[in-house]
Amino acid sequence: MRSKEENGHGEPKTDFPRSRGPSHGGGQVFSQSDLGSQLAELARLKEKVADSVTITRVDALHRVWAIGLASTHPEVKSSALDLLLEPVGSASDHIRMPAVYAIAEIANSTENAQIKIKALAALREPLQASQLPIRNAAIDALNSITRSGNRGEIALAAVKELGPPIQRVNNGVRIPAINAVVRAVEGSQNDAACDAAIDLLVAPLNSEALIGGMEVRMMAVAAVEKIGLGASGVLTKSKAMGILQSYAAKNSWEPEAKRRAQEAAANIQSSIKEPRNRR
């Protein structure tokens, strides 16, 4: 039988709505203007979120979540994210899973780019965890943050955090991470982020796994194509096109994969020529 904590907020979600927040042990969320009181309560919760007693720890986590979500003050949201670093680094899913979702919801409750970037950094440990479920939950959380706004400002930070999961040989992590890289830079108009994303995708392009290797390479080809087509700079488009052309000529690749890479390179090349043709 699952614990109350698991039944309440321990299960992974498929999206991150801007909810009214989690239950928080009967406490009152402060008024939006009461900055000092909110910071003071968060300070009092610092030891409780690390308490060895599960009931105390989980109750404190949800209270931090509620305060960070309800407040309009960046200082409060930032402080809440600091406190969530302890539970999100736990080895227990019933502790770290809710913390992952708390981090995402707090990030998505504001348009402040610095809070979103801080939340992305807070997901670093679960993104690098050894267990598959928490890594995918963290990728899901990162996706929700990058899709919530300020893409131009947060895209590069998101791409950097996705480096470790893309390097994984486990396709159950690598494939969602490849998709997350595309989502992170999509519509960002951030050439630095697009360049970094293309660099990350070289590892899956080089996958030689006996099981799933071709699937990963084809996924990476599609990702480089999407990034190249969406990039605003000609240099970034050319970089994506050049990488794809080099793999289209790779002897060790399957004919289908080589053909797909050549097709993707041609599509990017057409997107570079198209504006000239319209003049």
Protein backbone atom coordinates (compact mmCIF):
# COMPACT_ATOMS: atom_id res chain seq x y z
CA MET A 1 0.00 0.00 0.00
CA ARG A 2 1.31 3.42 -0.87
CA SER A 3 1.90 6.05 1.75
CA LYS A 4 -0.24 9.16 2.15
CA GLU A 5 2.57 11.24 0.75
CA GLU A 6 2.66 9.15 -2.42
CA ASN A 7 -1.11 9.23 -2.82
CA GLY A 8 -1.13 13.00 -2.38
CA HIS A 9 1.71 14.41 -4.45
CA GLY A 10 4.17 11.58 -5.01
CA GLU A 11 2.98 10.52 -8.45
CA PRO A 12 4.48 12.02 -11.61
CA LYS A 13 2.20 14.21 -13.73
CA THR A 14 2.11 14.68 -17.47
CA ASP A 15 1.84 18.46 -17.30
CA PHE A 16 2.31 21.32 -14.91
CA PRO A 17 -0.83 23.49 -14.69
CA ARG A 18 -0.69 26.74 -12.83
CA SER A 19 -2.51 25.32 -9.88
CA ARG A 20 -3.46 26.92 -6.62
CA GLY A 21 -0.70 24.95 -5.01
CA PRO A 22 -0.45 21.80 -2.94
CA SER A 23 -2.00 21.11 0.39
CA HIS A 24 0.14 22.57 3.12
CA GLY A 25 -0.79 21.15 6.47
CA GLY A 26 -3.47 23.67 7.38
CA GLY A 27 -1.14 26.68 7.14
CA GLN A 28 -2.31 29.94 5.64
CA VAL A 29 -0.57 31.30 2.55
CA PHE A 30 0.42 34.86 3.36
CA SER A 31 -0.98 37.88 1.57
CA GLN A 32 0.87 38.81 -1.57
CA SER A 33 2.37 41.92 0.05
CA ASP A 34 3.74 40.26 3.17
CA LEU A 35 7.28 39.73 1.90
CA GLY A 36 8.94 39.72 5.31
CA SER A 37 6.54 37.17 6.79
CA GLN A 38 6.93 34.82 3.84
CA LEU A 39 10.72 34.93 4.00
CA ALA A 40 10.60 34.44 7.77
CA GLU A 41 8.45 31.32 7.49
CA LEU A 42 10.70 29.89 4.79
CA ALA A 43 13.67 30.45 7.08
CA ARG A 44 11.91 28.49 9.82
CA LEU A 45 11.29 25.63 7.39
CA LYS A 46 14.96 25.21 6.48
CA GLU A 47 15.68 22.51 9.06
CA LYS A 48 12.31 20.82 8.64
CA VAL A 49 12.75 20.09 4.90
CA ALA A 50 15.85 18.10 5.86
CA ASP A 51 14.29 16.40 8.89
CA SER A 52 14.84 12.65 9.24
CA VAL A 53 11.16 12.15 10.16
CA THR A 54 9.27 11.66 6.90
CA ILE A 55 6.02 13.29 8.07
CA THR A 56 7.85 16.44 9.16
CA ARG A 57 9.94 16.53 6.00
CA VAL A 58 7.07 16.04 3.58
CA ASP A 59 4.82 18.55 5.36
CA ALA A 60 7.61 21.16 5.22
CA LEU A 61 8.24 20.45 1.53
CA HIS A 62 4.59 21.07 0.69
CA ARG A 63 4.52 24.24 2.77
CA VAL A 64 7.58 25.57 0.93
CA TRP A 65 5.86 24.65 -2.34
CA ALA A 66 2.69 26.52 -1.37
CA ILE A 67 4.52 29.67 -0.29
CA GLY A 68 6.75 29.76 -3.37
CA LEU A 69 3.80 29.21 -5.69
CA ALA A 70 1.49 31.78 -4.09
CA SER A 71 3.97 34.61 -3.66
CA THR A 72 4.51 37.27 -6.29
CA HIS A 73 7.91 38.21 -4.87
CA PRO A 74 10.98 36.91 -6.73
CA GLU A 75 12.90 36.86 -3.44
CA VAL A 76 10.37 34.43 -1.96
CA LYS A 77 10.35 32.18 -5.03
CA SER A 78 14.15 32.17 -5.03
CA SER A 79 14.29 31.27 -1.34
CA ALA A 80 11.74 28.48 -1.85
CA LEU A 81 13.86 27.03 -4.67
CA ASP A 82 16.90 27.10 -2.39
CA LEU A 83 15.03 25.04 0.22
CA LEU A 84 13.83 22.54 -2.38
CA LEU A 85 17.40 21.63 -3.29
CA GLU A 86 17.56 19.34 -0.25
CA PRO A 87 14.47 17.21 -0.96
CA VAL A 88 15.08 17.12 -4.73
CA GLY A 89 18.45 15.55 -3.97
CA SER A 90 16.90 12.79 -1.88
CA ALA A 91 17.40 9.16 -2.87
CA SER A 92 13.70 8.45 -2.21
CA ASP A 93 11.19 9.03 -5.00
CA HIS A 94 8.40 9.88 -2.56
CA ILE A 95 10.53 12.86 -1.45
CA ARG A 96 12.24 13.97 -4.65
CA MET A 97 9.36 13.50 -7.09
CA PRO A 98 7.14 16.11 -5.39
CA ALA A 99 10.16 18.42 -5.14
CA VAL A 100 10.70 18.18 -8.91
CA TYR A 101 7.11 19.21 -9.56
CA ALA A 102 7.27 21.94 -6.94
CA ILE A 103 10.32 23.43 -8.65
CA ALA A 104 8.56 23.40 -12.03
CA GLU A 105 5.33 24.94 -10.72
CA ILE A 106 7.17 27.73 -8.90
CA ALA A 107 9.16 28.49 -12.07
CA ASN A 108 5.99 28.49 -14.17
CA SER A 109 4.18 30.85 -11.79
CA THR A 110 6.36 33.80 -12.82
CA GLU A 111 7.68 35.50 -15.94
CA ASN A 112 10.96 36.26 -14.15
CA ALA A 113 13.69 34.69 -16.31
CA GLN A 114 16.19 34.50 -13.45
CA ILE A 115 13.79 32.44 -11.34
CA LYS A 116 13.23 30.09 -14.28
CA ILE A 117 17.00 29.73 -14.81
CA LYS A 118 17.46 29.03 -11.10
CA ALA A 119 14.74 26.38 -11.26
CA LEU A 120 16.45 24.72 -14.22
CA ALA A 121 19.69 24.57 -12.22
CA ALA A 122 17.75 23.07 -9.28
CA LEU A 123 16.83 20.12 -11.54
CA ARG A 124 20.49 19.28 -12.15
CA GLU A 125 20.75 16.50 -9.58
CA PRO A 126 17.63 14.57 -10.64
CA LEU A 127 18.62 15.00 -14.30
CA GLN A 128 21.87 13.20 -13.44
CA ALA A 129 20.39 10.58 -11.10
CA SER A 130 21.09 6.91 -11.72
CA GLN A 131 17.41 5.89 -11.72
CA LEU A 132 15.37 6.21 -14.91
CA PRO A 133 12.00 7.40 -13.47
CA ILE A 134 13.37 10.48 -11.70
CA ARG A 135 15.51 11.48 -14.69
CA ASN A 136 12.48 11.40 -16.98
CA ALA A 137 10.37 13.28 -14.44
CA ALA A 138 13.08 15.96 -14.35
CA ILE A 139 13.14 16.14 -18.17
CA ASP A 140 9.36 16.54 -18.10
CA ALA A 141 9.74 19.35 -15.56
CA LEU A 142 12.41 21.05 -17.64
CA ASN A 143 10.13 20.87 -20.69
CA SER A 144 7.35 22.57 -18.79
CA ILE A 145 9.65 25.42 -17.75
CA THR A 146 11.03 26.04 -21.23
CA ARG A 147 7.51 26.07 -22.68
CA SER A 148 6.16 28.52 -20.08
CA GLY A 149 7.75 31.66 -21.52
CA ASN A 150 10.99 33.67 -21.78
CA ARG A 151 12.45 31.08 -24.16
CA GLY A 152 15.00 33.48 -25.57
CA GLU A 153 16.45 34.13 -22.12
CA ILE A 154 16.32 30.62 -20.66
CA ALA A 155 17.01 28.41 -23.69
CA LEU A 156 20.78 28.25 -23.24
CA ALA A 157 20.48 27.38 -19.54
CA ALA A 158 18.06 24.56 -20.38
CA VAL A 159 20.35 23.14 -23.07
CA LYS A 160 23.29 23.10 -20.66
CA GLU A 161 21.30 21.12 -18.08
CA LEU A 162 20.34 18.55 -20.73
CA GLY A 163 23.96 17.62 -21.45
CA PRO A 164 24.23 14.71 -18.97
CA PRO A 165 20.98 12.94 -19.95
CA ILE A 166 21.85 13.20 -23.65
CA GLN A 167 25.21 11.58 -22.92
CA ARG A 168 23.47 8.59 -21.32
CA VAL A 169 23.63 5.30 -23.18
CA ASN A 170 20.16 4.41 -21.87
CA ASN A 171 17.80 5.25 -24.73
CA GLY A 172 14.93 5.61 -22.27
CA VAL A 173 16.63 8.79 -21.07
CA ARG A 174 18.51 9.86 -24.18
CA ILE A 175 15.49 9.99 -26.50
CA PRO A 176 13.34 12.19 -24.21
CA ALA A 177 16.39 14.41 -23.68
CA ILE A 178 16.88 14.82 -27.44
CA ASN A 179 13.27 15.91 -27.74
CA ALA A 180 13.70 18.29 -24.80
CA VAL A 181 16.67 19.97 -26.49
CA VAL A 182 14.53 20.74 -29.54
CA ARG A 183 11.73 22.07 -27.32
CA ALA A 184 14.17 24.22 -25.36
CA VAL A 185 15.42 26.17 -28.38
CA GLU A 186 12.25 26.15 -30.47
CA GLY A 187 11.15 29.72 -31.13
CA SER A 188 13.88 31.12 -28.88
CA GLN A 189 15.72 33.08 -31.60
CA ASN A 190 18.81 32.38 -29.51
CA ASP A 191 21.66 31.35 -31.79
CA ALA A 192 23.99 30.58 -28.88
CA ALA A 193 21.45 28.11 -27.52
CA CYS A 194 20.90 26.57 -30.96
CA ASP A 195 24.65 26.18 -31.47
CA ALA A 196 25.00 24.51 -28.07
CA ALA A 197 22.05 22.23 -28.85
CA ILE A 198 23.60 21.11 -32.13
CA ASP A 199 26.86 20.36 -30.32
CA LEU A 200 25.00 18.20 -27.78
CA LEU A 201 23.39 16.17 -30.54
CA VAL A 202 26.73 14.96 -31.91
CA ALA A 203 26.85 12.29 -29.17
CA PRO A 204 23.57 10.59 -30.18
CA LEU A 205 24.50 10.98 -33.85
CA ASN A 206 27.55 8.88 -33.02
CA SER A 207 25.56 6.20 -31.23
CA GLU A 208 26.69 2.70 -32.21
CA ALA A 209 24.41 0.79 -29.84
CA LEU A 210 23.42 -2.62 -31.17
CA ILE A 211 19.92 -2.14 -29.79
CA GLY A 212 18.27 1.15 -30.64
CA GLY A 213 21.33 2.75 -32.21
CA MET A 214 19.65 3.58 -35.50
CA GLU A 215 16.55 4.89 -33.71
CA VAL A 216 18.67 7.27 -31.65
CA ARG A 217 20.62 8.45 -34.69
CA MET A 218 17.43 9.07 -36.69
CA MET A 219 15.97 10.98 -33.73
CA ALA A 220 19.12 13.09 -33.57
CA VAL A 221 18.99 13.76 -37.33
CA ALA A 222 15.41 15.00 -37.00
CA ALA A 223 16.43 17.16 -34.03
CA VAL A 224 19.34 18.80 -35.85
CA GLU A 225 17.04 19.44 -38.83
CA LYS A 226 14.39 21.12 -36.66
CA ILE A 227 16.97 23.28 -34.93
CA GLY A 228 18.59 24.23 -38.23
CA LEU A 229 15.25 25.13 -39.81
CA GLY A 230 14.21 27.18 -36.80
CA ALA A 231 17.50 28.98 -36.27
CA SER A 232 17.58 32.66 -37.18
CA GLY A 233 21.29 32.90 -38.03
CA VAL A 234 22.80 31.70 -41.29
CA LEU A 235 25.91 30.48 -39.48
CA THR A 236 23.83 28.25 -37.22
CA LYS A 237 21.86 26.91 -40.17
CA SER A 238 25.11 26.22 -42.02
CA LYS A 239 26.54 24.43 -39.01
CA ALA A 240 23.51 22.14 -38.78
CA MET A 241 23.59 21.51 -42.54
CA GLY A 242 27.30 20.71 -42.50
CA ILE A 243 26.98 18.21 -39.66
CA LEU A 244 24.12 16.42 -41.40
CA GLN A 245 26.02 16.28 -44.69
CA SER A 246 29.01 14.73 -42.94
CA TYR A 247 26.87 11.96 -41.46
CA ALA A 248 25.06 11.43 -44.77
CA ALA A 249 28.45 10.40 -46.15
CA LYS A 250 29.37 8.16 -43.21
CA ASN A 251 30.11 4.63 -44.39
CA SER A 252 28.98 2.96 -41.18
CA TRP A 253 25.47 4.40 -41.37
CA GLU A 254 22.52 2.49 -42.80
CA PRO A 255 21.32 3.62 -46.25
CA GLU A 256 18.03 4.79 -44.75
CA ALA A 257 19.78 6.90 -42.13
CA LYS A 258 22.18 8.39 -44.70
CA ARG A 259 19.28 9.25 -47.00
CA ARG A 260 17.38 10.91 -44.14
CA ALA A 261 20.43 12.98 -43.14
CA GLN A 262 20.93 14.15 -46.73
CA GLU A 263 17.26 15.07 -46.98
CA ALA A 264 17.45 17.04 -43.72
CA ALA A 265 20.56 18.91 -44.91
CA ALA A 266 18.81 19.81 -48.17
CA ASN A 267 15.79 21.13 -46.28
CA ILE A 268 17.99 23.42 -44.20
CA GLN A 269 19.82 24.59 -47.31
CA SER A 270 16.48 25.48 -48.90
CA SER A 271 15.54 27.52 -45.83
CA ILE A 272 18.71 29.59 -46.32
CA LYS A 273 18.02 30.22 -50.02
CA GLU A 274 14.30 30.89 -49.67
CA PRO A 275 14.43 34.57 -48.59
CA ARG A 276 16.60 35.43 -51.62
CA ASN A 277 14.13 33.79 -53.98
CA ARG A 278 11.34 35.99 -52.66
CA ARG A 279 13.09 39.24 -53.57
